Amino acid sequence: MELIVVSNRGPLSYGRDEHGNRTESRGAGGLVTALRGLVAHHDVTWIASAISDEDRVVARERSGDVVLVAHDADAYRGYYDVIANPLLWFVQHELWGLATKPELDDATHAAWHDYETVNRNFAAAVVAELDNRPNAVVFFHDYHLYLAPRFVRDARPNARLAHFIHIPWPSDWSVLPDVWRHAIHDGLLANDVVGFHTERWCRNFAHSCRDVLGHDATSTLTHHAISVDAAEFDELAKSDAVLERERELIDDRPELLVLRVDRTDPAKNIVRGFHAFATLLDEHPEWHGRVRLLALLDPSRQTIPEYVDYRQAIEGAARELEERHPDSVLLRVADDFPQSIAAYKQYDVLFVNSVYDGLNLVVKEGPLVNTRDGAVVLSENAGAYEELGEWVIGVNPFDVQGQADALHEALTLAPEERARRARAIAGHVRTHDINEWVEAQLADLTNLHHDE
């Protein structure tokens, strides 16, 4: 099957070393990792944004299977830093405190035009590829590209288009102006197939189509939960870098370890998590000196004020927790994947309390390599809860007292029950791995390929 994959970030990022030679590194983000299996087995052209200076040089060369689209720098900032993140991200994760934000001023409206411009750039690149590969199926990804399918459909009415949304879909879009929310829904319904991780997000999309457009969705709606490569994590767990980090962790670990691995993103609900852990220690002095919270956080979108503010709130909450209960928390903000894998192996409780999450792969990654029959505390608003709910301790992400109670329950769970749940989660992930997700996408795309 011929595929044209379209996403904001591409599979490779380019730079220059100290000698002036071009360097290549794997693109950042979970989406790139998820699509790697798809790309490996099929005839794929990948269209993405040229983000670095060297990306822009590569974009002019236009060679190979990756097509990089060089956008005007100001337009890209409006598209990415104002509309995609934080506006659409905050709407879809229901993060706005509507009494004060968002305030859609002239600058926001100008940025919406930038979002449209960048989406038109992507659409033009897709149309150019379709002219060379008319039998290809176009596979769009995520919230950066909601308008592009309509532009492609208008230019090439017979094109076969699919779109996968990797983040939550709320049922209420009234925070956005009518013309914007109409364009978003109309753009997505220009696809033949629109996919989500869970039935919940799929159902919400159907509801919002009726609310915004006044009619049912005209596309085929599907839901397939993404997963991870179990074999890759097995190998990572044995790697020298991970074993070194694990030795460091064991040398300084308490009796019991509560772990969270997140980005410094408001959707991850880290501050409430610190408050919940403080409440646990306030109410259960028997845990003092026996349990510690290890928070391994990857800095996220630090060019966007809301994310900078949230990182500062995280650091403040950690200081308050440490002042109330010395030696109870260890906060590390760094991009250190081997450290995260090492911590996965050693946790007694994995704590994921997201406000909303499209899926959340942490709760699939951790149990694969954990060696201590660790329990999982999981937000009921994470997409993964739909799959794993019977084996985790579920929490309402806004209920701090409930999260404290859940942490206590996880820490006191009977050993045989901990083992049963841990084995069940790991077994489920090994059975329903990333290859299954890839095959599900291919099945949807193959149906398009045959329905000519």
Foldseek 3Di string as FASTA:
>chain_A
DEEEEEDAWDQWAWDADPVRDIDIDGIDDPVSVLCPVVVVPDNYAYEHARDDPVSVVVQVVPDDRYHHQYDDPVLVCLLVQQPVPPNVVCLQLVPDPVVCDDDCDPSNVVSVVSLVVVLVSRLVVVVVVCVVVVLYAYEYEADSRLQNLVNNCVVPVLHAYEYEHFWAAALDPVVDPLVVLLSSLVSRLSHQEYEAAAPVRQVSSQNNCCVNVVDGRPHHYYHHHAAADLVVLVVLCPDPLLVVLLVVCVVPDAQAEEEEEEALDVQQLLLLVLVLQLVLCVVDVVCARHYAYEYEYEYDDCVHVVSVVSVVSNVVSVVVSCVSRPPRYDYDYHPDVSNLSSVLQEHQEYEGLGSAGSADHSLLSSLSRHDQLHAYEYEPRHNNCVVLVVLHNYDHSVDSNRSSVRVVCSVPPDSVSSNVSSVVSNVVCNVSDSVVVSVVVVVVVVVSSPPD
